[in-house]
Every structure is written in C-alpha cells, then in structure tokens.
PDB file of N, CA and C in Angstrom:
ATOM      1  N   MET A   1     -13.306   8.387 -31.047  1.00  0.00           N
ATOM      2  CA  MET A   1     -13.567   6.949 -31.159  1.00  0.00           C
ATOM      3  C   MET A   1     -12.469   6.292 -32.128  1.00  0.00           C
ATOM      4  N   GLU A   2     -12.131   5.111 -31.773  1.00  0.00           N
ATOM      5  CA  GLU A   2     -11.084   4.437 -32.525  1.00  0.00           C
ATOM      6  C   GLU A   2     -11.534   3.930 -33.815  1.00  0.00           C
ATOM      7  N   LYS A   3     -10.679   4.035 -34.839  1.00  0.00           N
ATOM      8  CA  LYS A   3     -10.976   3.620 -36.129  1.00  0.00           C
ATOM      9  C   LYS A   3     -10.973   2.097 -36.172  1.00  0.00           C
ATOM     10  N   LYS A   4     -11.908   1.446 -36.928  1.00  0.00           N
ATOM     11  CA  LYS A   4     -12.021   0.024 -37.068  1.00  0.00           C
ATOM     12  C   LYS A   4     -10.935  -0.428 -38.010  1.00  0.00           C
ATOM     13  N   LEU A   5     -10.309  -1.606 -37.728  1.00  0.00           N
ATOM     14  CA  LEU A   5      -9.305  -2.158 -38.654  1.00  0.00           C
ATOM     15  C   LEU A   5      -9.943  -2.919 -39.785  1.00  0.00           C
ATOM     16  N   THR A   6      -9.235  -2.794 -40.903  1.00  0.00           N
ATOM     17  CA  THR A   6      -9.651  -3.567 -42.076  1.00  0.00           C
ATOM     18  C   THR A   6      -8.957  -4.872 -41.966  1.00  0.00           C
ATOM     19  N   LEU A   7      -9.360  -5.797 -42.774  1.00  0.00           N
ATOM     20  CA  LEU A   7      -8.672  -7.140 -42.910  1.00  0.00           C
ATOM     21  C   LEU A   7      -7.236  -7.033 -43.321  1.00  0.00           C
ATOM     22  N   GLU A   8      -7.003  -6.016 -44.168  1.00  0.00           N
ATOM     23  CA  GLU A   8      -5.637  -5.796 -44.656  1.00  0.00           C
ATOM     24  C   GLU A   8      -4.745  -5.260 -43.608  1.00  0.00           C
ATOM     25  N   GLU A   9      -5.304  -4.454 -42.668  1.00  0.00           N
ATOM     26  CA  GLU A   9      -4.447  -3.845 -41.622  1.00  0.00           C
ATOM     27  C   GLU A   9      -4.223  -4.899 -40.414  1.00  0.00           C
ATOM     28  N   MET A  10      -4.991  -5.908 -40.306  1.00  0.00           N
ATOM     29  CA  MET A  10      -4.925  -6.822 -39.107  1.00  0.00           C
ATOM     30  C   MET A  10      -3.557  -7.469 -38.962  1.00  0.00           C
ATOM     31  N   PRO A  11      -2.951  -7.996 -40.053  1.00  0.00           N
ATOM     32  CA  PRO A  11      -1.707  -8.742 -39.830  1.00  0.00           C
ATOM     33  C   PRO A  11      -0.552  -7.864 -39.257  1.00  0.00           C
ATOM     34  N   ALA A  12      -0.510  -6.523 -39.795  1.00  0.00           N
ATOM     35  CA  ALA A  12       0.498  -5.673 -39.272  1.00  0.00           C
ATOM     36  C   ALA A  12       0.203  -5.250 -37.802  1.00  0.00           C
ATOM     37  N   GLN A  13      -1.092  -5.126 -37.486  1.00  0.00           N
ATOM     38  CA  GLN A  13      -1.380  -4.780 -36.014  1.00  0.00           C
ATOM     39  C   GLN A  13      -1.058  -5.984 -35.142  1.00  0.00           C
ATOM     40  N   ILE A  14      -1.356  -7.170 -35.589  1.00  0.00           N
ATOM     41  CA  ILE A  14      -1.089  -8.344 -34.727  1.00  0.00           C
ATOM     42  C   ILE A  14       0.417  -8.523 -34.665  1.00  0.00           C
ATOM     43  N   SER A  15       1.188  -8.285 -35.659  1.00  0.00           N
ATOM     44  CA  SER A  15       2.745  -8.289 -35.536  1.00  0.00           C
ATOM     45  C   SER A  15       3.178  -7.278 -34.516  1.00  0.00           C
ATOM     46  N   GLU A  16       2.665  -6.123 -34.534  1.00  0.00           N
ATOM     47  CA  GLU A  16       3.006  -5.011 -33.596  1.00  0.00           C
ATOM     48  C   GLU A  16       2.687  -5.459 -32.213  1.00  0.00           C
ATOM     49  N   MET A  17       1.467  -6.107 -31.995  1.00  0.00           N
ATOM     50  CA  MET A  17       1.123  -6.495 -30.634  1.00  0.00           C
ATOM     51  C   MET A  17       2.001  -7.623 -30.186  1.00  0.00           C
ATOM     52  N   LYS A  18       2.381  -8.571 -31.023  1.00  0.00           N
ATOM     53  CA  LYS A  18       3.283  -9.663 -30.627  1.00  0.00           C
ATOM     54  C   LYS A  18       4.660  -9.074 -30.164  1.00  0.00           C
ATOM     55  N   ALA A  19       5.220  -8.104 -30.917  1.00  0.00           N
ATOM     56  CA  ALA A  19       6.489  -7.435 -30.652  1.00  0.00           C
ATOM     57  C   ALA A  19       6.386  -6.733 -29.223  1.00  0.00           C
ATOM     58  N   THR A  20       5.247  -6.086 -29.004  1.00  0.00           N
ATOM     59  CA  THR A  20       5.114  -5.424 -27.679  1.00  0.00           C
ATOM     60  C   THR A  20       5.048  -6.372 -26.618  1.00  0.00           C
ATOM     61  N   LEU A  21       4.330  -7.514 -26.767  1.00  0.00           N
ATOM     62  CA  LEU A  21       4.174  -8.569 -25.751  1.00  0.00           C
ATOM     63  C   LEU A  21       5.555  -9.095 -25.453  1.00  0.00           C
ATOM     64  N   ASN A  22       6.334  -9.411 -26.495  1.00  0.00           N
ATOM     65  CA  ASN A  22       7.715  -9.916 -26.325  1.00  0.00           C
ATOM     66  C   ASN A  22       8.579  -9.031 -25.458  1.00  0.00           C
ATOM     67  N   VAL A  23       8.431  -7.683 -25.695  1.00  0.00           N
ATOM     68  CA  VAL A  23       9.171  -6.742 -24.899  1.00  0.00           C
ATOM     69  C   VAL A  23       8.710  -6.771 -23.420  1.00  0.00           C
ATOM     70  N   ILE A  24       7.403  -6.823 -23.202  1.00  0.00           N
ATOM     71  CA  ILE A  24       6.875  -6.845 -21.883  1.00  0.00           C
ATOM     72  C   ILE A  24       7.343  -8.181 -21.162  1.00  0.00           C
ATOM     73  N   GLU A  25       7.328  -9.268 -21.837  1.00  0.00           N
ATOM     74  CA  GLU A  25       7.732 -10.575 -21.290  1.00  0.00           C
ATOM     75  C   GLU A  25       9.245 -10.524 -20.797  1.00  0.00           C
ATOM     76  N   LYS A  26      10.069 -10.024 -21.726  1.00  0.00           N
ATOM     77  CA  LYS A  26      11.452  -9.821 -21.375  1.00  0.00           C
ATOM     78  C   LYS A  26      11.649  -8.981 -20.164  1.00  0.00           C
ATOM     79  N   LEU A  27      10.974  -7.865 -20.029  1.00  0.00           N
ATOM     80  CA  LEU A  27      11.000  -6.962 -18.884  1.00  0.00           C
ATOM     81  C   LEU A  27      10.582  -7.728 -17.623  1.00  0.00           C
ATOM     82  N   LEU A  28       9.466  -8.409 -17.656  1.00  0.00           N
ATOM     83  CA  LEU A  28       9.045  -9.173 -16.488  1.00  0.00           C
ATOM     84  C   LEU A  28       9.940 -10.281 -16.085  1.00  0.00           C
ATOM     85  N   ASN A  29      10.550 -11.031 -17.044  1.00  0.00           N
ATOM     86  CA  ASN A  29      11.446 -12.087 -16.777  1.00  0.00           C
ATOM     87  C   ASN A  29      12.696 -11.578 -16.031  1.00  0.00           C
ATOM     88  N   ASN A  30      13.097 -10.337 -16.325  1.00  0.00           N
ATOM     89  CA  ASN A  30      14.287  -9.770 -15.726  1.00  0.00           C
ATOM     90  C   ASN A  30      14.006  -9.023 -14.435  1.00  0.00           C
ATOM     91  N   HIS A  31      12.764  -8.826 -14.127  1.00  0.00           N
ATOM     92  CA  HIS A  31      12.371  -8.116 -12.928  1.00  0.00           C
ATOM     93  C   HIS A  31      12.580  -8.910 -11.642  1.00  0.00           C
ATOM     94  N   PRO A  32      13.252  -8.468 -10.601  1.00  0.00           N
ATOM     95  CA  PRO A  32      13.540  -9.194  -9.420  1.00  0.00           C
ATOM     96  C   PRO A  32      12.309  -9.864  -8.712  1.00  0.00           C
ATOM     97  N   SER A  33      11.233  -9.115  -8.712  1.00  0.00           N
ATOM     98  CA  SER A  33      10.059  -9.654  -7.996  1.00  0.00           C
ATOM     99  C   SER A  33       9.401 -10.828  -8.744  1.00  0.00           C
ATOM    100  N   PHE A  34       9.770 -10.997 -10.042  1.00  0.00           N
ATOM    101  CA  PHE A  34       9.161 -12.096 -10.752  1.00  0.00           C
ATOM    102  C   PHE A  34      10.058 -13.304 -10.872  1.00  0.00           C
ATOM    103  N   LYS A  35      11.164 -13.199 -10.214  1.00  0.00           N
ATOM    104  CA  LYS A  35      12.141 -14.378 -10.286  1.00  0.00           C
ATOM    105  C   LYS A  35      11.994 -15.170  -8.976  1.00  0.00           C
ATOM    106  N   ASP A  36      12.205 -16.539  -9.088  1.00  0.00           N
ATOM    107  CA  ASP A  36      12.109 -17.326  -7.991  1.00  0.00           C
ATOM    108  C   ASP A  36      13.398 -17.314  -7.153  1.00  0.00           C
ATOM    109  N   GLU A  37      14.469 -16.821  -7.749  1.00  0.00           N
ATOM    110  CA  GLU A  37      15.719 -16.788  -7.093  1.00  0.00           C
ATOM    111  C   GLU A  37      15.740 -15.829  -5.907  1.00  0.00           C
ATOM    112  N   VAL A  38      16.414 -16.205  -4.869  1.00  0.00           N
ATOM    113  CA  VAL A  38      16.708 -15.351  -3.779  1.00  0.00           C
ATOM    114  C   VAL A  38      18.007 -14.619  -4.131  1.00  0.00           C
ATOM    115  N   PRO A  39      18.071 -13.371  -4.028  1.00  0.00           N
ATOM    116  CA  PRO A  39      19.370 -12.684  -4.331  1.00  0.00           C
ATOM    117  C   PRO A  39      20.352 -13.205  -3.230  1.00  0.00           C
ATOM    118  N   ASP A  40      21.540 -13.547  -3.786  1.00  0.00           N
ATOM    119  CA  ASP A  40      22.468 -14.225  -2.938  1.00  0.00           C
ATOM    120  C   ASP A  40      23.114 -13.106  -2.019  1.00  0.00           C
ATOM    121  N   LYS A  41      23.254 -13.551  -0.765  1.00  0.00           N
ATOM    122  CA  LYS A  41      23.811 -12.555   0.296  1.00  0.00           C
ATOM    123  C   LYS A  41      24.503 -13.553   1.312  1.00  0.00           C
ATOM    124  N   LEU A  42      25.669 -13.118   1.721  1.00  0.00           N
ATOM    125  CA  LEU A  42      26.349 -13.898   2.763  1.00  0.00           C
ATOM    126  C   LEU A  42      25.807 -13.518   4.137  1.00  0.00           C
ATOM    127  N   LEU A  43      25.537 -14.497   4.901  1.00  0.00           N
ATOM    128  CA  LEU A  43      24.915 -14.360   6.271  1.00  0.00           C
ATOM    129  C   LEU A  43      25.922 -14.789   7.311  1.00  0.00           C
ATOM    130  N   THR A  44      25.779 -14.174   8.443  1.00  0.00           N
ATOM    131  CA  THR A  44      26.631 -14.584   9.587  1.00  0.00           C
ATOM    132  C   THR A  44      25.893 -15.800  10.247  1.00  0.00           C
ATOM    133  N   VAL A  45      26.533 -16.296  11.330  1.00  0.00           N
ATOM    134  CA  VAL A  45      25.914 -17.500  12.013  1.00  0.00           C
ATOM    135  C   VAL A  45      24.570 -16.975  12.599  1.00  0.00           C
ATOM    136  N   ASP A  46      24.494 -15.860  13.181  1.00  0.00           N
ATOM    137  CA  ASP A  46      23.227 -15.357  13.729  1.00  0.00           C
ATOM    138  C   ASP A  46      22.145 -15.133  12.698  1.00  0.00           C
ATOM    139  N   GLU A  47      22.528 -14.609  11.547  1.00  0.00           N
ATOM    140  CA  GLU A  47      21.544 -14.431  10.489  1.00  0.00           C
ATOM    141  C   GLU A  47      21.142 -15.812   9.891  1.00  0.00           C
ATOM    142  N   ALA A  48      22.022 -16.682   9.734  1.00  0.00           N
ATOM    143  CA  ALA A  48      21.757 -18.055   9.236  1.00  0.00           C
ATOM    144  C   ALA A  48      20.831 -18.766  10.206  1.00  0.00           C
ATOM    145  N   SER A  49      21.069 -18.469  11.546  1.00  0.00           N
ATOM    146  CA  SER A  49      20.191 -19.106  12.503  1.00  0.00           C
ATOM    147  C   SER A  49      18.771 -18.609  12.487  1.00  0.00           C
ATOM    148  N   GLU A  50      18.696 -17.262  12.221  1.00  0.00           N
ATOM    149  CA  GLU A  50      17.346 -16.584  12.063  1.00  0.00           C
ATOM    150  C   GLU A  50      16.653 -17.075  10.800  1.00  0.00           C
ATOM    151  N   PHE A  51      17.404 -17.102   9.715  1.00  0.00           N
ATOM    152  CA  PHE A  51      16.922 -17.500   8.399  1.00  0.00           C
ATOM    153  C   PHE A  51      16.364 -18.909   8.361  1.00  0.00           C
ATOM    154  N   THR A  52      17.104 -19.814   8.948  1.00  0.00           N
ATOM    155  CA  THR A  52      16.719 -21.228   9.005  1.00  0.00           C
ATOM    156  C   THR A  52      15.781 -21.684  10.219  1.00  0.00           C
ATOM    157  N   SER A  53      15.631 -20.731  11.106  1.00  0.00           N
ATOM    158  CA  SER A  53      14.938 -21.004  12.376  1.00  0.00           C
ATOM    159  C   SER A  53      15.590 -22.154  13.153  1.00  0.00           C
ATOM    160  N   LEU A  54      16.951 -22.250  13.084  1.00  0.00           N
ATOM    161  CA  LEU A  54      17.644 -23.250  13.812  1.00  0.00           C
ATOM    162  C   LEU A  54      18.546 -22.489  14.872  1.00  0.00           C
ATOM    163  N   ALA A  55      18.705 -23.144  15.988  1.00  0.00           N
ATOM    164  CA  ALA A  55      19.549 -22.458  17.117  1.00  0.00           C
ATOM    165  C   ALA A  55      21.025 -22.395  16.579  1.00  0.00           C
ATOM    166  N   ARG A  56      21.701 -21.417  17.158  1.00  0.00           N
ATOM    167  CA  ARG A  56      23.126 -21.258  16.820  1.00  0.00           C
ATOM    168  C   ARG A  56      23.950 -22.569  17.069  1.00  0.00           C
ATOM    169  N   GLN A  57      23.639 -23.267  18.152  1.00  0.00           N
ATOM    170  CA  GLN A  57      24.353 -24.493  18.490  1.00  0.00           C
ATOM    171  C   GLN A  57      24.103 -25.533  17.383  1.00  0.00           C
ATOM    172  N   THR A  58      22.878 -25.600  16.917  1.00  0.00           N
ATOM    173  CA  THR A  58      22.489 -26.511  15.864  1.00  0.00           C
ATOM    174  C   THR A  58      23.252 -26.182  14.579  1.00  0.00           C
ATOM    175  N   ILE A  59      23.394 -24.888  14.206  1.00  0.00           N
ATOM    176  CA  ILE A  59      24.114 -24.493  13.031  1.00  0.00           C
ATOM    177  C   ILE A  59      25.566 -24.917  13.178  1.00  0.00           C
ATOM    178  N   TYR A  60      26.212 -24.626  14.364  1.00  0.00           N
ATOM    179  CA  TYR A  60      27.597 -25.050  14.569  1.00  0.00           C
ATOM    180  C   TYR A  60      27.759 -26.594  14.460  1.00  0.00           C
ATOM    181  N   GLY A  61      26.754 -27.362  14.939  1.00  0.00           N
ATOM    182  CA  GLY A  61      26.891 -28.748  14.862  1.00  0.00           C
ATOM    183  C   GLY A  61      26.743 -29.253  13.433  1.00  0.00           C
ATOM    184  N   LEU A  62      25.862 -28.662  12.604  1.00  0.00           N
ATOM    185  CA  LEU A  62      25.700 -28.978  11.204  1.00  0.00           C
ATOM    186  C   LEU A  62      27.005 -28.686  10.394  1.00  0.00           C
ATOM    187  N   VAL A  63      27.627 -27.526  10.823  1.00  0.00           N
ATOM    188  CA  VAL A  63      28.841 -27.148  10.151  1.00  0.00           C
ATOM    189  C   VAL A  63      29.960 -28.198  10.510  1.00  0.00           C
ATOM    190  N   SER A  64      30.000 -28.579  11.762  1.00  0.00           N
ATOM    191  CA  SER A  64      31.045 -29.483  12.190  1.00  0.00           C
ATOM    192  C   SER A  64      30.869 -30.869  11.514  1.00  0.00           C
ATOM    193  N   ASP A  65      29.673 -31.259  11.238  1.00  0.00           N
ATOM    194  CA  ASP A  65      29.280 -32.522  10.552  1.00  0.00           C
ATOM    195  C   ASP A  65      29.264 -32.363   9.050  1.00  0.00           C
ATOM    196  N   ARG A  66      29.549 -31.158   8.593  1.00  0.00           N
ATOM    197  CA  ARG A  66      29.451 -30.757   7.188  1.00  0.00           C
ATOM    198  C   ARG A  66      28.189 -31.152   6.525  1.00  0.00           C
ATOM    199  N   LYS A  67      27.097 -30.878   7.200  1.00  0.00           N
ATOM    200  CA  LYS A  67      25.810 -31.151   6.687  1.00  0.00           C
ATOM    201  C   LYS A  67      24.991 -29.945   6.266  1.00  0.00           C
ATOM    202  N   ILE A  68      25.680 -28.804   6.299  1.00  0.00           N
ATOM    203  CA  ILE A  68      25.045 -27.526   5.911  1.00  0.00           C
ATOM    204  C   ILE A  68      26.047 -26.778   5.116  1.00  0.00           C
ATOM    205  N   PRO A  69      25.705 -26.143   3.946  1.00  0.00           N
ATOM    206  CA  PRO A  69      26.603 -25.343   3.160  1.00  0.00           C
ATOM    207  C   PRO A  69      27.106 -24.112   3.869  1.00  0.00           C
ATOM    208  N   PHE A  70      28.417 -23.998   3.966  1.00  0.00           N
ATOM    209  CA  PHE A  70      28.928 -22.821   4.535  1.00  0.00           C
ATOM    210  C   PHE A  70      30.266 -22.411   3.828  1.00  0.00           C
ATOM    211  N   VAL A  71      30.720 -21.204   4.285  1.00  0.00           N
ATOM    212  CA  VAL A  71      32.006 -20.675   3.650  1.00  0.00           C
ATOM    213  C   VAL A  71      32.868 -20.288   4.855  1.00  0.00           C
ATOM    214  N   LYS A  72      34.101 -20.611   4.773  1.00  0.00           N
ATOM    215  CA  LYS A  72      35.084 -20.200   5.759  1.00  0.00           C
ATOM    216  C   LYS A  72      36.409 -19.936   5.136  1.00  0.00           C
ATOM    217  N   ARG A  73      36.882 -18.728   5.292  1.00  0.00           N
ATOM    218  CA  ARG A  73      38.087 -18.419   4.644  1.00  0.00           C
ATOM    219  C   ARG A  73      39.231 -19.246   5.321  1.00  0.00           C
ATOM    220  N   GLN A  74      40.226 -19.631   4.401  1.00  0.00           N
ATOM    221  CA  GLN A  74      41.292 -20.432   4.926  1.00  0.00           C
ATOM    222  C   GLN A  74      41.954 -19.664   6.048  1.00  0.00           C
ATOM    223  N   ASN A  75      42.292 -20.353   7.142  1.00  0.00           N
ATOM    224  CA  ASN A  75      42.857 -19.776   8.321  1.00  0.00           C
ATOM    225  C   ASN A  75      41.926 -18.684   9.025  1.00  0.00           C
ATOM    226  N   GLY A  76      40.738 -18.651   8.575  1.00  0.00           N
ATOM    227  CA  GLY A  76      39.812 -17.684   9.117  1.00  0.00           C
ATOM    228  C   GLY A  76      39.026 -18.377  10.216  1.00  0.00           C
ATOM    229  N   LYS A  77      38.407 -17.434  11.087  1.00  0.00           N
ATOM    230  CA  LYS A  77      37.594 -17.997  12.205  1.00  0.00           C
ATOM    231  C   LYS A  77      36.120 -17.883  11.988  1.00  0.00           C
ATOM    232  N   ARG A  78      35.771 -16.902  11.168  1.00  0.00           N
ATOM    233  CA  ARG A  78      34.339 -16.533  10.855  1.00  0.00           C
ATOM    234  C   ARG A  78      33.692 -17.602   9.805  1.00  0.00           C
ATOM    235  N   LEU A  79      32.453 -17.926  10.146  1.00  0.00           N
ATOM    236  CA  LEU A  79      31.675 -18.683   9.218  1.00  0.00           C
ATOM    237  C   LEU A  79      30.695 -17.802   8.465  1.00  0.00           C
ATOM    238  N   TYR A  80      30.499 -18.117   7.175  1.00  0.00           N
ATOM    239  CA  TYR A  80      29.484 -17.350   6.469  1.00  0.00           C
ATOM    240  C   TYR A  80      28.624 -18.382   5.720  1.00  0.00           C
ATOM    241  N   PHE A  81      27.355 -17.996   5.416  1.00  0.00           N
ATOM    242  CA  PHE A  81      26.431 -18.844   4.772  1.00  0.00           C
ATOM    243  C   PHE A  81      25.757 -18.113   3.582  1.00  0.00           C
ATOM    244  N   SER A  82      25.750 -18.732   2.472  1.00  0.00           N
ATOM    245  CA  SER A  82      25.071 -18.119   1.284  1.00  0.00           C
ATOM    246  C   SER A  82      23.638 -18.276   1.512  1.00  0.00           C
ATOM    247  N   LYS A  83      22.908 -17.270   1.404  1.00  0.00           N
ATOM    248  CA  LYS A  83      21.360 -17.255   1.660  1.00  0.00           C
ATOM    249  C   LYS A  83      20.748 -18.089   0.572  1.00  0.00           C
ATOM    250  N   LYS A  84      21.285 -18.109  -0.680  1.00  0.00           N
ATOM    251  CA  LYS A  84      20.784 -18.898  -1.702  1.00  0.00           C
ATOM    252  C   LYS A  84      21.024 -20.356  -1.505  1.00  0.00           C
ATOM    253  N   ASP A  85      22.280 -20.651  -1.052  1.00  0.00           N
ATOM    254  CA  ASP A  85      22.605 -22.050  -0.707  1.00  0.00           C
ATOM    255  C   ASP A  85      21.803 -22.621   0.367  1.00  0.00           C
ATOM    256  N   LEU A  86      21.584 -21.733   1.391  1.00  0.00           N
ATOM    257  CA  LEU A  86      20.696 -22.243   2.620  1.00  0.00           C
ATOM    258  C   LEU A  86      19.364 -22.529   2.167  1.00  0.00           C
ATOM    259  N   ARG A  87      18.813 -21.633   1.284  1.00  0.00           N
ATOM    260  CA  ARG A  87      17.431 -21.868   0.772  1.00  0.00           C
ATOM    261  C   ARG A  87      17.391 -23.230   0.029  1.00  0.00           C
ATOM    262  N   GLU A  88      18.358 -23.481  -0.872  1.00  0.00           N
ATOM    263  CA  GLU A  88      18.384 -24.740  -1.634  1.00  0.00           C
ATOM    264  C   GLU A  88      18.534 -25.872  -0.669  1.00  0.00           C
ATOM    265  N   TRP A  89      19.356 -25.731   0.320  1.00  0.00           N
ATOM    266  CA  TRP A  89      19.602 -26.794   1.282  1.00  0.00           C
ATOM    267  C   TRP A  89      18.288 -27.110   2.088  1.00  0.00           C
ATOM    268  N   ILE A  90      17.567 -26.056   2.465  1.00  0.00           N
ATOM    269  CA  ILE A  90      16.392 -26.276   3.233  1.00  0.00           C
ATOM    270  C   ILE A  90      15.342 -26.987   2.292  1.00  0.00           C
ATOM    271  N   LEU A  91      15.223 -26.503   1.042  1.00  0.00           N
ATOM    272  CA  LEU A  91      14.221 -27.041   0.180  1.00  0.00           C
ATOM    273  C   LEU A  91      14.583 -28.439  -0.423  1.00  0.00           C
ATOM    274  N   GLY A  92      15.886 -28.670  -0.510  1.00  0.00           N
ATOM    275  CA  GLY A  92      16.229 -29.968  -1.217  1.00  0.00           C
ATOM    276  C   GLY A  92      16.979 -30.889  -0.396  1.00  0.00           C
ATOM    277  N   GLY A  93      17.320 -30.624   0.858  1.00  0.00           N
ATOM    278  CA  GLY A  93      18.086 -31.477   1.674  1.00  0.00           C
ATOM    279  C   GLY A  93      19.550 -31.609   1.205  1.00  0.00           C
ATOM    280  N   ARG A  94      20.068 -30.529   0.670  1.00  0.00           N
ATOM    281  CA  ARG A  94      21.396 -30.524   0.116  1.00  0.00           C
ATOM    282  C   ARG A  94      22.486 -30.557   1.192  1.00  0.00           C
ATOM    283  N   ASN A  95      23.467 -31.341   1.034  1.00  0.00           N
ATOM    284  CA  ASN A  95      24.637 -31.417   1.997  1.00  0.00           C
ATOM    285  C   ASN A  95      25.792 -30.677   1.503  1.00  0.00           C
ATOM    286  N   HIS A  96      26.616 -30.193   2.371  1.00  0.00           N
ATOM    287  CA  HIS A  96      27.893 -29.561   2.066  1.00  0.00           C
ATOM    288  C   HIS A  96      28.843 -30.568   1.423  1.00  0.00           C
ATOM    289  N   LYS A  97      29.476 -30.075   0.396  1.00  0.00           N
ATOM    290  CA  LYS A  97      30.424 -30.962  -0.312  1.00  0.00           C
ATOM    291  C   LYS A  97      31.797 -30.432  -0.133  1.00  0.00           C
ATOM    292  N   ASP A  98      32.780 -31.231   0.304  1.00  0.00           N
ATOM    293  CA  ASP A  98      34.096 -30.757   0.434  1.00  0.00           C
ATOM    294  C   ASP A  98      34.714 -30.605  -0.912  1.00  0.00           C
ATOM    295  N   LYS A  99      35.627 -29.617  -1.006  1.00  0.00           N
ATOM    296  CA  LYS A  99      36.262 -29.274  -2.217  1.00  0.00           C
ATOM    297  C   LYS A  99      37.743 -29.777  -2.216  1.00  0.00           C
TER     298      LYS A  99
END
C-alpha cells in the first residue's frame, strides 16, 4: 500500500508531477500523429489528381492558369506538387504566386 503524503511533502510531489507533465507534453507536441501538419511530399500529376480528386486535365488547366501551387524545374517538363501546399490550397483557396 502507498504511503500517504504529509502536507510538507506535497509541494515537492506537485513540482515533480508538473515536471513529468511538461516532459509528456513536449513528447506529444513533437509526435507526428499529434500534429496538424501533413508531412510534405512532392506529388506527380497523377498523385496530385488522386489527392485533390480532380481530373488530370483539370490539374493541367489550373497549372496553366496558375491557380494551383506547383513546382517545375527550369527547362524541365515534369510538374510536381507539394502535398502540404495542395492541402493548404484546398482548405484556404490559395492561388499560385509567381516568383
């Protein structure tokens, strides 16, 4: 059976409990399943189409009109899409900005 705390022991025990809770909170805040963020990953056109539930043709049209965030290497032919940026675009109506 556990020993009962005296009034004199309580402040030290409370401090210890607070320290333990702070450690647990830090661990939880850094754990991927407790973050709202989507880990960033570059998607192909097909993957972006699947992720957004938009047809490939629609994706190409939005890229042409610069209405969707995308990445294209200079002189490159392939398009890539940041999963995080697409999620933000879907949720917030974000438009692609030229640099």
